[in-house]
Amino acid sequence: MNLQQVLITIIELKKENQELRKLCEELQKQLKKYINPHTHQNNSLKNPRTKRTKEKRIP
């Protein structure tokens, strides 16, 4: 590869990177609609011990 090809590749990668960042931002916005940090349900996902199960323990 010569220098020109390397530069062209770098420019293409930068464009792809920008597009991916935009997609990631969109995904984060979409996810925020579904995940609310103030709900108990979400807290139980973070820490499974807070969620009580009705399992009977065998002695």
C-alpha atoms as a PDB file:
ATOM      1  CA  MET A   1       0.000   0.000   0.000  1.00  0.00           C
ATOM      2  CA  ASN A   2       1.246   3.438  -0.767  1.00  0.00           C
ATOM      3  CA  LEU A   3       0.700   6.571   1.274  1.00  0.00           C
ATOM      4  CA  GLN A   4      -2.316   7.714  -0.740  1.00  0.00           C
ATOM      5  CA  GLN A   5      -4.122   4.402  -0.234  1.00  0.00           C
ATOM      6  CA  VAL A   6      -3.396   4.540   3.479  1.00  0.00           C
ATOM      7  CA  LEU A   7      -4.808   8.070   3.727  1.00  0.00           C
ATOM      8  CA  ILE A   8      -7.932   7.091   1.771  1.00  0.00           C
ATOM      9  CA  THR A   9      -8.438   4.114   4.078  1.00  0.00           C
ATOM     10  CA  ILE A  10      -8.074   6.325   7.152  1.00  0.00           C
ATOM     11  CA  ILE A  11     -10.659   8.782   5.802  1.00  0.00           C
ATOM     12  CA  GLU A  12     -13.093   5.945   5.068  1.00  0.00           C
ATOM     13  CA  LEU A  13     -12.612   4.546   8.557  1.00  0.00           C
ATOM     14  CA  LYS A  14     -13.268   7.953  10.092  1.00  0.00           C
ATOM     15  CA  LYS A  15     -16.540   8.198   8.177  1.00  0.00           C
ATOM     16  CA  GLU A  16     -17.559   4.715   9.325  1.00  0.00           C
ATOM     17  CA  ASN A  17     -16.637   5.610  12.874  1.00  0.00           C
ATOM     18  CA  GLN A  18     -18.838   8.722  12.765  1.00  0.00           C
ATOM     19  CA  GLU A  19     -21.750   6.718  11.402  1.00  0.00           C
ATOM     20  CA  LEU A  20     -21.314   4.103  14.114  1.00  0.00           C
ATOM     21  CA  ARG A  21     -21.246   6.784  16.794  1.00  0.00           C
ATOM     22  CA  LYS A  22     -24.506   8.237  15.489  1.00  0.00           C
ATOM     23  CA  LEU A  23     -26.053   4.773  15.509  1.00  0.00           C
ATOM     24  CA  CYS A  24     -24.860   4.207  19.072  1.00  0.00           C
ATOM     25  CA  GLU A  25     -26.364   7.507  20.194  1.00  0.00           C
ATOM     26  CA  GLU A  26     -29.672   6.566  18.602  1.00  0.00           C
ATOM     27  CA  LEU A  27     -29.575   3.184  20.318  1.00  0.00           C
ATOM     28  CA  GLN A  28     -28.891   4.802  23.673  1.00  0.00           C
ATOM     29  CA  LYS A  29     -31.859   7.136  23.197  1.00  0.00           C
ATOM     30  CA  GLN A  30     -34.077   4.184  22.319  1.00  0.00           C
ATOM     31  CA  LEU A  31     -32.841   2.212  25.321  1.00  0.00           C
ATOM     32  CA  LYS A  32     -33.498   5.107  27.697  1.00  0.00           C
ATOM     33  CA  LYS A  33     -37.160   4.893  26.733  1.00  0.00           C
ATOM     34  CA  TYR A  34     -37.252   1.315  28.000  1.00  0.00           C
ATOM     35  CA  ILE A  35     -34.920   1.576  30.984  1.00  0.00           C
ATOM     36  CA  ASN A  36     -35.848   3.875  33.836  1.00  0.00           C
ATOM     37  CA  PRO A  37     -33.287   3.879  36.671  1.00  0.00           C
ATOM     38  CA  HIS A  38     -35.977   4.889  39.201  1.00  0.00           C
ATOM     39  CA  THR A  39     -38.086   1.780  38.815  1.00  0.00           C
ATOM     40  CA  HIS A  40     -37.695  -1.123  41.183  1.00  0.00           C
ATOM     41  CA  GLN A  41     -37.708  -3.537  38.282  1.00  0.00           C
ATOM     42  CA  ASN A  42     -34.528  -2.034  36.888  1.00  0.00           C
ATOM     43  CA  ASN A  43     -32.836  -2.087  40.287  1.00  0.00           C
ATOM     44  CA  SER A  44     -33.539  -5.762  40.610  1.00  0.00           C
ATOM     45  CA  LEU A  45     -31.875  -6.323  37.258  1.00  0.00           C
ATOM     46  CA  LYS A  46     -28.739  -4.624  38.519  1.00  0.00           C
ATOM     47  CA  ASN A  47     -28.661  -6.556  41.765  1.00  0.00           C
ATOM     48  CA  PRO A  48     -30.348  -9.959  41.559  1.00  0.00           C
ATOM     49  CA  ARG A  49     -30.215 -10.400  45.351  1.00  0.00           C
ATOM     50  CA  THR A  50     -32.814  -7.686  45.848  1.00  0.00           C
ATOM     51  CA  LYS A  51     -35.350  -9.737  43.943  1.00  0.00           C
ATOM     52  CA  ARG A  52     -37.016 -12.222  46.284  1.00  0.00           C
ATOM     53  CA  THR A  53     -37.962 -15.598  44.910  1.00  0.00           C
ATOM     54  CA  LYS A  54     -40.423 -18.052  46.384  1.00  0.00           C
ATOM     55  CA  GLU A  55     -38.049 -20.981  46.267  1.00  0.00           C
ATOM     56  CA  LYS A  56     -38.233 -23.447  49.133  1.00  0.00           C
ATOM     57  CA  ARG A  57     -34.814 -24.290  50.401  1.00  0.00           C
ATOM     58  CA  ILE A  58     -34.026 -27.909  51.035  1.00  0.00           C
ATOM     59  CA  PRO A  59     -32.464 -28.376  54.477  1.00  0.00           C
END
